[in-house]
């Protein structure tokens, strides 16, 4: 039981961060409701290949891709 006046913690509906991925800087990852969005910034010169749950995608610079996460 929550203390009086305490607000319940809610699960965020979306969250994200930027990472370095195999030498590519500034790759953006966002998660939302069983999906993952990967965005490659324009200053990266080559595309990124990503394998997730048996599916492979290639994401070019200045492009994004939404992927359904396993189990959803």
Protein backbone atom coordinates (compact mmCIF):
# COMPACT_ATOMS: atom_id res chain seq x y z
CA UNK A 1 0.00 0.00 0.00
CA UNK A 2 1.29 3.45 -0.91
CA UNK A 3 1.99 6.02 1.75
CA UNK A 4 -0.58 8.82 2.05
CA UNK A 5 0.19 11.54 -0.49
CA UNK A 6 2.52 9.31 -2.52
CA UNK A 7 1.81 9.11 -6.24
CA UNK A 8 1.90 5.66 -7.85
CA UNK A 9 4.81 5.02 -10.22
CA UNK A 10 3.70 4.69 -13.80
CA UNK A 11 5.50 2.76 -16.49
CA UNK A 12 6.72 5.13 -19.21
CA UNK A 13 4.83 4.78 -22.49
CA UNK A 14 7.99 5.51 -24.48
CA UNK A 15 11.66 5.90 -23.73
CA UNK A 16 14.84 6.21 -25.73
CA UNK A 17 18.53 6.92 -25.80
CA UNK A 18 21.40 7.42 -28.24
CA UNK A 19 24.27 4.98 -28.52
CA UNK A 20 27.39 4.16 -30.46
CA UNK A 21 26.82 0.99 -32.51
CA UNK A 22 29.79 -0.70 -34.24
CA UNK A 23 31.49 2.67 -34.81
CA UNK A 24 28.32 4.55 -35.78
CA UNK A 25 27.78 7.56 -33.51
CA UNK A 26 24.42 8.97 -32.45
CA UNK A 27 22.25 5.97 -33.27
CA UNK A 28 18.86 6.63 -31.67
CA UNK A 29 16.89 3.80 -30.04
CA UNK A 30 13.28 4.33 -28.91
CA UNK A 31 10.98 1.74 -27.38
CA UNK A 32 7.22 2.01 -27.33
CA UNK A 33 4.55 -0.62 -26.71
CA UNK A 34 6.36 -3.72 -28.00
CA UNK A 35 8.21 -1.89 -30.78
CA UNK A 36 11.74 -0.62 -31.23
CA UNK A 37 12.66 2.30 -33.49
CA UNK A 38 16.26 2.57 -34.70
CA UNK A 39 17.33 5.84 -36.37
CA UNK A 40 20.68 6.42 -38.04
CA UNK A 41 21.81 10.07 -38.23
CA UNK A 42 22.91 11.62 -41.51
CA UNK A 43 26.54 12.11 -40.49
CA UNK A 44 27.14 8.33 -40.50
CA UNK A 45 28.44 7.37 -43.92
CA UNK A 46 27.38 3.73 -44.10
CA UNK A 47 24.15 1.88 -43.28
CA UNK A 48 23.67 -0.25 -40.17
CA UNK A 49 22.68 -3.91 -40.38
CA UNK A 50 20.54 -5.08 -37.47
CA UNK A 51 19.41 -8.65 -36.70
CA UNK A 52 16.52 -9.06 -34.26
CA UNK A 53 14.57 -12.25 -33.65
CA UNK A 54 15.34 -13.79 -37.02
CA UNK A 55 14.69 -10.60 -39.00
CA UNK A 56 17.49 -8.61 -40.63
CA UNK A 57 17.17 -5.00 -41.68
CA UNK A 58 19.59 -2.49 -43.14
CA UNK A 59 19.05 1.11 -42.06
CA UNK A 60 20.62 3.83 -44.18
CA UNK A 61 21.89 7.14 -42.84
CA UNK A 62 19.00 9.63 -42.37
CA UNK A 63 16.55 6.72 -42.10
CA UNK A 64 14.57 4.98 -39.33
CA UNK A 65 13.00 1.56 -38.93
CA UNK A 66 10.32 0.32 -36.50
CA UNK A 67 10.70 -3.33 -35.44
CA UNK A 68 8.25 -5.45 -33.48
CA UNK A 69 9.92 -6.93 -30.41
CA UNK A 70 9.72 -10.70 -29.83
CA UNK A 71 6.76 -11.77 -27.70
CA UNK A 72 4.56 -8.84 -28.77
